[in-house]
Full PDB file with SEQRES, HELIX, SHEET, SSBOND, CRYST1, ORIGX, SCALE, CONECT and MASTER records, all heavy atoms in Angstrom:
SEQRES   1 A   39  LYS VAL VAL GLU ARG VAL ARG GLU VAL ILE ALA GLU ASP          
SEQRES   2 A   39  THR PHE ASP LEU ILE GLU THR MET ALA GLU GLU ILE ALA          
SEQRES   3 A   39  LYS ALA CYS ILE GLY PHE ASP ARG VAL MET ARG ALA THR          
HELIX    1 AA1 VAL A    2  GLU A   12  1                                  11    
HELIX    2 AA2 ILE A   18  ILE A   30  1                                  13    
CRYST1    1.000    1.000    1.000  90.00  90.00  90.00 P 1           1          
ORIGX1      1.000000  0.000000  0.000000        0.00000                         
ORIGX2      0.000000  1.000000  0.000000        0.00000                         
ORIGX3      0.000000  0.000000  1.000000        0.00000                         
SCALE1      1.000000  0.000000  0.000000        0.00000                         
SCALE2      0.000000  1.000000  0.000000        0.00000                         
SCALE3      0.000000  0.000000  1.000000        0.00000                         
ATOM      1  N   LYS A   1      11.173   5.335  -0.679  1.00  0.00           N  
ATOM      2  CA  LYS A   1      10.886   3.901  -0.733  1.00  0.00           C  
ATOM      3  C   LYS A   1       9.398   3.627  -0.553  1.00  0.00           C  
ATOM      4  O   LYS A   1       8.848   2.719  -1.171  1.00  0.00           O  
ATOM      5  CB  LYS A   1      11.703   3.167   0.326  1.00  0.00           C  
ATOM      6  CG  LYS A   1      13.179   3.168   0.022  1.00  0.00           C  
ATOM      7  CD  LYS A   1      13.972   2.461   1.091  1.00  0.00           C  
ATOM      8  CE  LYS A   1      15.460   2.513   0.752  1.00  0.00           C  
ATOM      9  NZ  LYS A   1      16.283   1.909   1.809  1.00  0.00           N  
ATOM     10  N   VAL A   2       8.750   4.421   0.288  1.00  0.00           N  
ATOM     11  CA  VAL A   2       7.309   4.253   0.495  1.00  0.00           C  
ATOM     12  C   VAL A   2       6.563   4.532  -0.805  1.00  0.00           C  
ATOM     13  O   VAL A   2       5.704   3.755  -1.222  1.00  0.00           O  
ATOM     14  CB  VAL A   2       6.796   5.162   1.637  1.00  0.00           C  
ATOM     15  CG1 VAL A   2       5.277   5.123   1.725  1.00  0.00           C  
ATOM     16  CG2 VAL A   2       7.428   4.762   2.974  1.00  0.00           C  
ATOM     17  N   VAL A   3       6.897   5.629  -1.463  1.00  0.00           N  
ATOM     18  CA  VAL A   3       6.243   5.992  -2.727  1.00  0.00           C  
ATOM     19  C   VAL A   3       6.486   4.912  -3.777  1.00  0.00           C  
ATOM     20  O   VAL A   3       5.566   4.518  -4.509  1.00  0.00           O  
ATOM     21  CB  VAL A   3       6.717   7.373  -3.226  1.00  0.00           C  
ATOM     22  CG1 VAL A   3       6.273   7.635  -4.659  1.00  0.00           C  
ATOM     23  CG2 VAL A   3       6.212   8.464  -2.299  1.00  0.00           C  
ATOM     24  N   GLU A   4       7.689   4.410  -3.848  1.00  0.00           N  
ATOM     25  CA  GLU A   4       8.010   3.340  -4.798  1.00  0.00           C  
ATOM     26  C   GLU A   4       7.132   2.114  -4.542  1.00  0.00           C  
ATOM     27  O   GLU A   4       6.593   1.514  -5.472  1.00  0.00           O  
ATOM     28  CB  GLU A   4       9.483   2.968  -4.662  1.00  0.00           C  
ATOM     29  CG  GLU A   4       9.950   1.889  -5.599  1.00  0.00           C  
ATOM     30  CD  GLU A   4      11.429   1.616  -5.409  1.00  0.00           C  
ATOM     31  OE1 GLU A   4      12.232   2.554  -5.546  1.00  0.00           O  
ATOM     32  OE2 GLU A   4      11.774   0.449  -5.114  1.00  0.00           O  
ATOM     33  N   ARG A   5       6.956   1.759  -3.288  1.00  0.00           N  
ATOM     34  CA  ARG A   5       6.144   0.581  -2.935  1.00  0.00           C  
ATOM     35  C   ARG A   5       4.677   0.805  -3.273  1.00  0.00           C  
ATOM     36  O   ARG A   5       3.991  -0.105  -3.760  1.00  0.00           O  
ATOM     37  CB  ARG A   5       6.315   0.237  -1.450  1.00  0.00           C  
ATOM     38  CG  ARG A   5       5.569  -0.992  -1.030  1.00  0.00           C  
ATOM     39  CD  ARG A   5       6.141  -2.259  -1.678  1.00  0.00           C  
ATOM     40  NE  ARG A   5       5.305  -3.397  -1.347  1.00  0.00           N  
ATOM     41  CZ  ARG A   5       4.563  -4.065  -2.221  1.00  0.00           C  
ATOM     42  NH1 ARG A   5       4.578  -3.742  -3.505  1.00  0.00           N  
ATOM     43  NH2 ARG A   5       3.807  -5.060  -1.826  1.00  0.00           N  
ATOM     44  N   VAL A   6       4.156   2.005  -3.020  1.00  0.00           N  
ATOM     45  CA  VAL A   6       2.769   2.325  -3.371  1.00  0.00           C  
ATOM     46  C   VAL A   6       2.555   2.135  -4.864  1.00  0.00           C  
ATOM     47  O   VAL A   6       1.580   1.508  -5.301  1.00  0.00           O  
ATOM     48  CB  VAL A   6       2.416   3.768  -2.950  1.00  0.00           C  
ATOM     49  CG1 VAL A   6       1.095   4.221  -3.568  1.00  0.00           C  
ATOM     50  CG2 VAL A   6       2.377   3.896  -1.433  1.00  0.00           C  
ATOM     51  N   ARG A   7       3.466   2.641  -5.656  1.00  0.00           N  
ATOM     52  CA  ARG A   7       3.346   2.510  -7.115  1.00  0.00           C  
ATOM     53  C   ARG A   7       3.416   1.048  -7.553  1.00  0.00           C  
ATOM     54  O   ARG A   7       2.727   0.650  -8.492  1.00  0.00           O  
ATOM     55  CB  ARG A   7       4.402   3.357  -7.803  1.00  0.00           C  
ATOM     56  CG  ARG A   7       4.096   4.847  -7.681  1.00  0.00           C  
ATOM     57  CD  ARG A   7       5.020   5.691  -8.507  1.00  0.00           C  
ATOM     58  NE  ARG A   7       4.563   7.074  -8.512  1.00  0.00           N  
ATOM     59  CZ  ARG A   7       5.350   8.118  -8.323  1.00  0.00           C  
ATOM     60  NH1 ARG A   7       6.650   7.952  -8.132  1.00  0.00           N  
ATOM     61  NH2 ARG A   7       4.851   9.337  -8.340  1.00  0.00           N  
ATOM     62  N   GLU A   8       4.234   0.252  -6.884  1.00  0.00           N  
ATOM     63  CA  GLU A   8       4.303  -1.175  -7.206  1.00  0.00           C  
ATOM     64  C   GLU A   8       2.963  -1.864  -6.951  1.00  0.00           C  
ATOM     65  O   GLU A   8       2.522  -2.682  -7.764  1.00  0.00           O  
ATOM     66  CB  GLU A   8       5.385  -1.866  -6.366  1.00  0.00           C  
ATOM     67  CG  GLU A   8       6.789  -1.546  -6.797  1.00  0.00           C  
ATOM     68  CD  GLU A   8       7.834  -2.112  -5.842  1.00  0.00           C  
ATOM     69  OE1 GLU A   8       7.478  -2.706  -4.796  1.00  0.00           O  
ATOM     70  OE2 GLU A   8       9.037  -1.949  -6.143  1.00  0.00           O  
ATOM     71  N   VAL A   9       2.321  -1.567  -5.828  1.00  0.00           N  
ATOM     72  CA  VAL A   9       1.023  -2.181  -5.519  1.00  0.00           C  
ATOM     73  C   VAL A   9       0.014  -1.853  -6.614  1.00  0.00           C  
ATOM     74  O   VAL A   9      -0.703  -2.730  -7.101  1.00  0.00           O  
ATOM     75  CB  VAL A   9       0.500  -1.729  -4.141  1.00  0.00           C  
ATOM     76  CG1 VAL A   9      -0.944  -2.180  -3.920  1.00  0.00           C  
ATOM     77  CG2 VAL A   9       1.394  -2.266  -3.021  1.00  0.00           C  
ATOM     78  N   ILE A  10      -0.019  -0.605  -7.036  1.00  0.00           N  
ATOM     79  CA  ILE A  10      -0.984  -0.189  -8.059  1.00  0.00           C  
ATOM     80  C   ILE A  10      -0.672  -0.844  -9.407  1.00  0.00           C  
ATOM     81  O   ILE A  10      -1.569  -1.312 -10.105  1.00  0.00           O  
ATOM     82  CB  ILE A  10      -1.021   1.343  -8.198  1.00  0.00           C  
ATOM     83  CG1 ILE A  10      -1.524   1.980  -6.898  1.00  0.00           C  
ATOM     84  CG2 ILE A  10      -1.913   1.761  -9.376  1.00  0.00           C  
ATOM     85  CD1 ILE A  10      -1.347   3.476  -6.843  1.00  0.00           C  
ATOM     86  N   ALA A  11       0.592  -0.898  -9.767  1.00  0.00           N  
ATOM     87  CA  ALA A  11       0.981  -1.412 -11.087  1.00  0.00           C  
ATOM     88  C   ALA A  11       0.951  -2.932 -11.172  1.00  0.00           C  
ATOM     89  O   ALA A  11       0.618  -3.485 -12.217  1.00  0.00           O  
ATOM     90  CB  ALA A  11       2.387  -0.911 -11.441  1.00  0.00           C  
ATOM     91  N   GLU A  12       1.281  -3.620 -10.089  1.00  0.00           N  
ATOM     92  CA  GLU A  12       1.468  -5.063 -10.163  1.00  0.00           C  
ATOM     93  C   GLU A  12       0.255  -5.873  -9.725  1.00  0.00           C  
ATOM     94  O   GLU A  12       0.102  -7.016 -10.135  1.00  0.00           O  
ATOM     95  CB  GLU A  12       2.688  -5.466  -9.321  1.00  0.00           C  
ATOM     96  CG  GLU A  12       3.977  -4.885  -9.876  1.00  0.00           C  
ATOM     97  CD  GLU A  12       5.172  -5.115  -8.974  1.00  0.00           C  
ATOM     98  OE1 GLU A  12       5.052  -5.810  -7.946  1.00  0.00           O  
ATOM     99  OE2 GLU A  12       6.247  -4.576  -9.302  1.00  0.00           O  
ATOM    100  N   ASP A  13      -0.579  -5.334  -8.870  1.00  0.00           N  
ATOM    101  CA  ASP A  13      -1.754  -6.056  -8.377  1.00  0.00           C  
ATOM    102  C   ASP A  13      -2.986  -5.633  -9.166  1.00  0.00           C  
ATOM    103  O   ASP A  13      -2.958  -4.655  -9.917  1.00  0.00           O  
ATOM    104  CB  ASP A  13      -1.969  -5.794  -6.882  1.00  0.00           C  
ATOM    105  CG  ASP A  13      -0.819  -6.325  -6.034  1.00  0.00           C  
ATOM    106  OD1 ASP A  13      -0.142  -7.272  -6.464  1.00  0.00           O  
ATOM    107  OD2 ASP A  13      -0.608  -5.780  -4.942  1.00  0.00           O  
ATOM    108  N   THR A  14      -4.074  -6.370  -8.977  1.00  0.00           N  
ATOM    109  CA  THR A  14      -5.345  -6.034  -9.607  1.00  0.00           C  
ATOM    110  C   THR A  14      -6.445  -6.122  -8.554  1.00  0.00           C  
ATOM    111  O   THR A  14      -6.529  -7.114  -7.838  1.00  0.00           O  
ATOM    112  CB  THR A  14      -5.662  -7.006 -10.765  1.00  0.00           C  
ATOM    113  OG1 THR A  14      -4.608  -6.930 -11.720  1.00  0.00           O  
ATOM    114  CG2 THR A  14      -6.964  -6.635 -11.444  1.00  0.00           C  
ATOM    115  N   PHE A  15      -7.277  -5.090  -8.492  1.00  0.00           N  
ATOM    116  CA  PHE A  15      -8.357  -5.029  -7.507  1.00  0.00           C  
ATOM    117  C   PHE A  15      -9.657  -4.650  -8.193  1.00  0.00           C  
ATOM    118  O   PHE A  15      -9.662  -3.865  -9.145  1.00  0.00           O  
ATOM    119  CB  PHE A  15      -8.050  -3.979  -6.434  1.00  0.00           C  
ATOM    120  CG  PHE A  15      -6.726  -4.178  -5.752  1.00  0.00           C  
ATOM    121  CD1 PHE A  15      -5.630  -3.422  -6.110  1.00  0.00           C  
ATOM    122  CD2 PHE A  15      -6.581  -5.136  -4.767  1.00  0.00           C  
ATOM    123  CE1 PHE A  15      -4.401  -3.602  -5.488  1.00  0.00           C  
ATOM    124  CE2 PHE A  15      -5.360  -5.336  -4.138  1.00  0.00           C  
ATOM    125  CZ  PHE A  15      -4.265  -4.563  -4.502  1.00  0.00           C  
ATOM    126  N   ASP A  16     -10.748  -5.167  -7.686  1.00  0.00           N  
ATOM    127  CA  ASP A  16     -12.066  -4.713  -8.121  1.00  0.00           C  
ATOM    128  C   ASP A  16     -12.407  -3.386  -7.459  1.00  0.00           C  
ATOM    129  O   ASP A  16     -12.959  -2.493  -8.091  1.00  0.00           O  
ATOM    130  CB  ASP A  16     -13.150  -5.739  -7.776  1.00  0.00           C  
ATOM    131  CG  ASP A  16     -13.110  -6.972  -8.681  1.00  0.00           C  
ATOM    132  OD1 ASP A  16     -12.403  -6.960  -9.712  1.00  0.00           O  
ATOM    133  OD2 ASP A  16     -13.803  -7.949  -8.350  1.00  0.00           O  
ATOM    134  N   LEU A  17     -12.082  -3.275  -6.176  1.00  0.00           N  
ATOM    135  CA  LEU A  17     -12.497  -2.122  -5.375  1.00  0.00           C  
ATOM    136  C   LEU A  17     -11.312  -1.252  -4.961  1.00  0.00           C  
ATOM    137  O   LEU A  17     -10.266  -1.786  -4.556  1.00  0.00           O  
ATOM    138  CB  LEU A  17     -13.215  -2.590  -4.107  1.00  0.00           C  
ATOM    139  CG  LEU A  17     -14.418  -3.500  -4.291  1.00  0.00           C  
ATOM    140  CD1 LEU A  17     -14.940  -3.947  -2.931  1.00  0.00           C  
ATOM    141  CD2 LEU A  17     -15.504  -2.796  -5.096  1.00  0.00           C  
ATOM    142  N   ILE A  18     -11.508   0.066  -4.992  1.00  0.00           N  
ATOM    143  CA  ILE A  18     -10.453   0.955  -4.496  1.00  0.00           C  
ATOM    144  C   ILE A  18     -10.325   0.829  -2.974  1.00  0.00           C  
ATOM    145  O   ILE A  18      -9.268   1.121  -2.427  1.00  0.00           O  
ATOM    146  CB  ILE A  18     -10.658   2.419  -4.936  1.00  0.00           C  
ATOM    147  CG1 ILE A  18     -12.005   2.978  -4.497  1.00  0.00           C  
ATOM    148  CG2 ILE A  18     -10.463   2.543  -6.439  1.00  0.00           C  
ATOM    149  CD1 ILE A  18     -12.185   4.466  -4.799  1.00  0.00           C  
ATOM    150  N   GLU A  19     -11.371   0.354  -2.314  1.00  0.00           N  
ATOM    151  CA  GLU A  19     -11.291   0.112  -0.877  1.00  0.00           C  
ATOM    152  C   GLU A  19     -10.249  -0.965  -0.573  1.00  0.00           C  
ATOM    153  O   GLU A  19      -9.456  -0.849   0.369  1.00  0.00           O  
ATOM    154  CB  GLU A  19     -12.649  -0.327  -0.320  1.00  0.00           C  
ATOM    155  CG  GLU A  19     -13.730   0.726  -0.388  1.00  0.00           C  
ATOM    156  CD  GLU A  19     -14.550   0.714  -1.684  1.00  0.00           C  
ATOM    157  OE1 GLU A  19     -14.011   0.347  -2.767  1.00  0.00           O  
ATOM    158  OE2 GLU A  19     -15.738   1.077  -1.624  1.00  0.00           O  
ATOM    159  N   THR A  20     -10.247  -2.021  -1.384  1.00  0.00           N  
ATOM    160  CA  THR A  20      -9.275  -3.100  -1.215  1.00  0.00           C  
ATOM    161  C   THR A  20      -7.877  -2.616  -1.557  1.00  0.00           C  
ATOM    162  O   THR A  20      -6.901  -2.953  -0.878  1.00  0.00           O  
ATOM    163  CB  THR A  20      -9.652  -4.309  -2.093  1.00  0.00           C  
ATOM    164  OG1 THR A  20     -11.008  -4.658  -1.844  1.00  0.00           O  
ATOM    165  CG2 THR A  20      -8.756  -5.493  -1.815  1.00  0.00           C  
ATOM    166  N   MET A  21      -7.752  -1.810  -2.603  1.00  0.00           N  
ATOM    167  CA  MET A  21      -6.457  -1.249  -2.956  1.00  0.00           C  
ATOM    168  C   MET A  21      -5.911  -0.410  -1.811  1.00  0.00           C  
ATOM    169  O   MET A  21      -4.727  -0.524  -1.451  1.00  0.00           O  
ATOM    170  CB  MET A  21      -6.559  -0.389  -4.225  1.00  0.00           C  
ATOM    171  CG  MET A  21      -5.208   0.177  -4.663  1.00  0.00           C  
ATOM    172  SD  MET A  21      -5.309   1.458  -5.934  1.00  0.00           S  
ATOM    173  CE  MET A  21      -6.100   0.603  -7.263  1.00  0.00           C  
ATOM    174  N   ALA A  22      -6.758   0.428  -1.217  1.00  0.00           N  
ATOM    175  CA  ALA A  22      -6.327   1.268  -0.098  1.00  0.00           C  
ATOM    176  C   ALA A  22      -5.834   0.411   1.066  1.00  0.00           C  
ATOM    177  O   ALA A  22      -4.815   0.718   1.693  1.00  0.00           O  
ATOM    178  CB  ALA A  22      -7.467   2.182   0.348  1.00  0.00           C  
ATOM    179  N   GLU A  23      -6.533  -0.684   1.349  1.00  0.00           N  
ATOM    180  CA  GLU A  23      -6.124  -1.568   2.435  1.00  0.00           C  
ATOM    181  C   GLU A  23      -4.765  -2.215   2.146  1.00  0.00           C  
ATOM    182  O   GLU A  23      -3.900  -2.294   3.030  1.00  0.00           O  
ATOM    183  CB  GLU A  23      -7.169  -2.651   2.667  1.00  0.00           C  
ATOM    184  CG  GLU A  23      -6.805  -3.586   3.799  1.00  0.00           C  
ATOM    185  CD  GLU A  23      -7.878  -4.625   4.089  1.00  0.00           C  
ATOM    186  OE1 GLU A  23      -8.810  -4.800   3.275  1.00  0.00           O  
ATOM    187  OE2 GLU A  23      -7.763  -5.270   5.137  1.00  0.00           O  
ATOM    188  N   GLU A  24      -4.551  -2.673   0.921  1.00  0.00           N  
ATOM    189  CA  GLU A  24      -3.278  -3.304   0.573  1.00  0.00           C  
ATOM    190  C   GLU A  24      -2.126  -2.304   0.628  1.00  0.00           C  
ATOM    191  O   GLU A  24      -1.015  -2.638   1.050  1.00  0.00           O  
ATOM    192  CB  GLU A  24      -3.362  -3.973  -0.793  1.00  0.00           C  
ATOM    193  CG  GLU A  24      -4.232  -5.208  -0.799  1.00  0.00           C  
ATOM    194  CD  GLU A  24      -3.792  -6.256   0.225  1.00  0.00           C  
ATOM    195  OE1 GLU A  24      -2.589  -6.595   0.257  1.00  0.00           O  
ATOM    196  OE2 GLU A  24      -4.651  -6.732   0.989  1.00  0.00           O  
ATOM    197  N   ILE A  25      -2.385  -1.083   0.217  1.00  0.00           N  
ATOM    198  CA  ILE A  25      -1.353  -0.050   0.299  1.00  0.00           C  
ATOM    199  C   ILE A  25      -1.057   0.260   1.764  1.00  0.00           C  
ATOM    200  O   ILE A  25       0.111   0.418   2.147  1.00  0.00           O  
ATOM    201  CB  ILE A  25      -1.774   1.210  -0.481  1.00  0.00           C  
ATOM    202  CG1 ILE A  25      -1.780   0.913  -1.987  1.00  0.00           C  
ATOM    203  CG2 ILE A  25      -0.842   2.387  -0.168  1.00  0.00           C  
ATOM    204  CD1 ILE A  25      -2.395   1.999  -2.833  1.00  0.00           C  
ATOM    205  N   ALA A  26      -2.087   0.323   2.602  1.00  0.00           N  
ATOM    206  CA  ALA A  26      -1.873   0.572   4.032  1.00  0.00           C  
ATOM    207  C   ALA A  26      -1.036  -0.540   4.648  1.00  0.00           C  
ATOM    208  O   ALA A  26      -0.121  -0.284   5.444  1.00  0.00           O  
ATOM    209  CB  ALA A  26      -3.209   0.714   4.753  1.00  0.00           C  
ATOM    210  N   LYS A  27      -1.321  -1.790   4.291  1.00  0.00           N  
ATOM    211  CA  LYS A  27      -0.521  -2.921   4.787  1.00  0.00           C  
ATOM    212  C   LYS A  27       0.939  -2.771   4.365  1.00  0.00           C  
ATOM    213  O   LYS A  27       1.853  -3.034   5.147  1.00  0.00           O  
ATOM    214  CB  LYS A  27      -1.084  -4.245   4.267  1.00  0.00           C  
ATOM    215  CG  LYS A  27      -2.378  -4.660   4.912  1.00  0.00           C  
ATOM    216  CD  LYS A  27      -2.876  -5.958   4.276  1.00  0.00           C  
ATOM    217  CE  LYS A  27      -4.231  -6.372   4.782  1.00  0.00           C  
ATOM    218  NZ  LYS A  27      -4.728  -7.588   4.086  1.00  0.00           N  
ATOM    219  N   ALA A  28       1.159  -2.383   3.123  1.00  0.00           N  
ATOM    220  CA  ALA A  28       2.522  -2.194   2.636  1.00  0.00           C  
ATOM    221  C   ALA A  28       3.225  -1.084   3.411  1.00  0.00           C  
ATOM    222  O   ALA A  28       4.404  -1.206   3.761  1.00  0.00           O  
ATOM    223  CB  ALA A  28       2.514  -1.882   1.138  1.00  0.00           C  
ATOM    224  N   CYS A  29       2.508  -0.013   3.714  1.00  0.00           N  
ATOM    225  CA  CYS A  29       3.105   1.124   4.429  1.00  0.00           C  
ATOM    226  C   CYS A  29       3.504   0.755   5.851  1.00  0.00           C  
ATOM    227  O   CYS A  29       4.592   1.116   6.305  1.00  0.00           O  
ATOM    228  CB  CYS A  29       2.151   2.310   4.443  1.00  0.00           C  
ATOM    229  SG  CYS A  29       1.963   3.110   2.838  1.00  0.00           S  
ATOM    230  N   ILE A  30       2.624   0.046   6.559  1.00  0.00           N  
ATOM    231  CA  ILE A  30       2.972  -0.285   7.940  1.00  0.00           C  
ATOM    232  C   ILE A  30       4.022  -1.387   8.013  1.00  0.00           C  
ATOM    233  O   ILE A  30       4.555  -1.666   9.092  1.00  0.00           O  
ATOM    234  CB  ILE A  30       1.730  -0.618   8.812  1.00  0.00           C  
ATOM    235  CG1 ILE A  30       0.969  -1.821   8.289  1.00  0.00           C  
ATOM    236  CG2 ILE A  30       0.830   0.601   8.951  1.00  0.00           C  
ATOM    237  CD1 ILE A  30      -0.149  -2.278   9.204  1.00  0.00           C  
ATOM    238  N   GLY A  31       4.367  -1.947   6.882  1.00  0.00           N  
ATOM    239  CA  GLY A  31       5.460  -2.900   6.822  1.00  0.00           C  
ATOM    240  C   GLY A  31       6.833  -2.240   6.872  1.00  0.00           C  
ATOM    241  O   GLY A  31       7.848  -2.906   7.074  1.00  0.00           O  
ATOM    242  N   PHE A  32       6.884  -0.927   6.704  1.00  0.00           N  
ATOM    243  CA  PHE A  32       8.148  -0.200   6.769  1.00  0.00           C  
ATOM    244  C   PHE A  32       8.528   0.070   8.220  1.00  0.00           C  
ATOM    245  O   PHE A  32       7.661   0.383   9.052  1.00  0.00           O  
ATOM    246  CB  PHE A  32       8.051   1.137   6.022  1.00  0.00           C  
ATOM    247  CG  PHE A  32       8.146   1.002   4.536  1.00  0.00           C  
ATOM    248  CD1 PHE A  32       7.007   0.838   3.770  1.00  0.00           C  
ATOM    249  CD2 PHE A  32       9.375   1.034   3.899  1.00  0.00           C  
ATOM    250  CE1 PHE A  32       7.083   0.705   2.398  1.00  0.00           C  
ATOM    251  CE2 PHE A  32       9.469   0.903   2.530  1.00  0.00           C  
ATOM    252  CZ  PHE A  32       8.319   0.739   1.769  1.00  0.00           C  
ATOM    253  N   ASP A  33       9.835  -0.038   8.496  1.00  0.00           N  
ATOM    254  CA  ASP A  33      10.317   0.344   9.821  1.00  0.00           C  
ATOM    255  C   ASP A  33       9.910   1.779  10.113  1.00  0.00           C  
ATOM    256  O   ASP A  33       9.915   2.625   9.213  1.00  0.00           O  
ATOM    257  CB  ASP A  33      11.849   0.246   9.885  1.00  0.00           C  
ATOM    258  CG  ASP A  33      12.333  -1.188   9.906  1.00  0.00           C  
ATOM    259  OD1 ASP A  33      11.537  -2.082  10.251  1.00  0.00           O  
ATOM    260  OD2 ASP A  33      13.508  -1.407   9.572  1.00  0.00           O  
ATOM    261  N   ARG A  34       9.544   2.006  11.334  1.00  0.00           N  
ATOM    262  CA  ARG A  34       9.190   3.326  11.866  1.00  0.00           C  
ATOM    263  C   ARG A  34       7.796   3.804  11.511  1.00  0.00           C  
ATOM    264  O   ARG A  34       7.339   4.804  12.017  1.00  0.00           O  
ATOM    265  CB  ARG A  34      10.226   4.372  11.496  1.00  0.00           C  
ATOM    266  CG  ARG A  34      11.625   4.026  12.010  1.00  0.00           C  
ATOM    267  CD  ARG A  34      12.516   5.237  11.984  1.00  0.00           C  
ATOM    268  NE  ARG A  34      13.821   4.930  12.481  1.00  0.00           N  
ATOM    269  CZ  ARG A  34      14.198   5.043  13.763  1.00  0.00           C  
ATOM    270  NH1 ARG A  34      13.345   5.423  14.657  1.00  0.00           N  
ATOM    271  NH2 ARG A  34      15.429   4.761  14.128  1.00  0.00           N  
ATOM    272  N   VAL A  35       7.079   3.124  10.610  1.00  0.00           N  
ATOM    273  CA  VAL A  35       5.688   3.506  10.320  1.00  0.00           C  
ATOM    274  C   VAL A  35       4.785   2.767  11.300  1.00  0.00           C  
ATOM    275  O   VAL A  35       4.715   1.544  11.301  1.00  0.00           O  
ATOM    276  CB  VAL A  35       5.289   3.186   8.868  1.00  0.00           C  
ATOM    277  CG1 VAL A  35       3.810   3.514   8.623  1.00  0.00           C  
ATOM    278  CG2 VAL A  35       6.169   3.961   7.883  1.00  0.00           C  
ATOM    279  N   MET A  36       4.111   3.535  12.141  1.00  0.00           N  
ATOM    280  CA  MET A  36       3.266   2.960  13.188  1.00  0.00           C  
ATOM    281  C   MET A  36       1.800   2.878  12.780  1.00  0.00           C  
ATOM    282  O   MET A  36       1.061   2.032  13.260  1.00  0.00           O  
ATOM    283  CB  MET A  36       3.381   3.807  14.471  1.00  0.00           C  
ATOM    284  CG  MET A  36       4.818   4.054  14.922  1.00  0.00           C  
ATOM    285  SD  MET A  36       5.800   2.551  15.049  1.00  0.00           S  
ATOM    286  CE  MET A  36       4.968   1.725  16.359  1.00  0.00           C  
ATOM    287  N   ARG A  37       1.379   3.779  11.917  1.00  0.00           N  
ATOM    288  CA  ARG A  37      -0.019   3.849  11.499  1.00  0.00           C  
ATOM    289  C   ARG A  37      -0.053   4.487  10.115  1.00  0.00           C  
ATOM    290  O   ARG A  37       0.729   5.381   9.816  1.00  0.00           O  
ATOM    291  CB  ARG A  37      -0.803   4.686  12.504  1.00  0.00           C  
ATOM    292  CG  ARG A  37      -2.294   4.730  12.273  1.00  0.00           C  
ATOM    293  CD  ARG A  37      -2.931   5.594  13.405  1.00  0.00           C  
ATOM    294  NE  ARG A  37      -4.336   5.461  13.422  1.00  0.00           N  
ATOM    295  CZ  ARG A  37      -5.017   4.544  14.119  1.00  0.00           C  
ATOM    296  NH1 ARG A  37      -4.389   3.700  14.884  1.00  0.00           N  
ATOM    297  NH2 ARG A  37      -6.330   4.506  14.076  1.00  0.00           N  
ATOM    298  N   ALA A  38      -0.963   4.012   9.287  1.00  0.00           N  
ATOM    299  CA  ALA A  38      -1.069   4.557   7.928  1.00  0.00           C  
ATOM    300  C   ALA A  38      -2.530   4.782   7.566  1.00  0.00           C  
ATOM    301  O   ALA A  38      -3.350   3.880   7.712  1.00  0.00           O  
ATOM    302  CB  ALA A  38      -0.431   3.594   6.928  1.00  0.00           C  
ATOM    303  N   THR A  39      -2.821   5.979   7.114  1.00  0.00           N  
ATOM    304  CA  THR A  39      -4.109   6.269   6.500  1.00  0.00           C  
ATOM    305  C   THR A  39      -3.847   6.495   5.020  1.00  0.00           C  
ATOM    306  O   THR A  39      -3.002   7.319   4.650  1.00  0.00           O  
ATOM    307  CB  THR A  39      -4.790   7.499   7.116  1.00  0.00           C  
ATOM    308  OG1 THR A  39      -5.050   7.230   8.498  1.00  0.00           O  
ATOM    309  CG2 THR A  39      -6.100   7.825   6.401  1.00  0.00           C  
TER     310      THR A  39                                                      
MASTER        0    0    0    2    0    0    0    6  309    1    0    3          
END                                                                             
């Protein structure tokens, strides 16, 4: 489910910077139960 969500962020959103993309993916990851920290 985490991998599926990462792919959705990349496919559905648009970013100028990969830094912003990384932040949005991290937010999505810590939204999952049991994920306490995401790099």
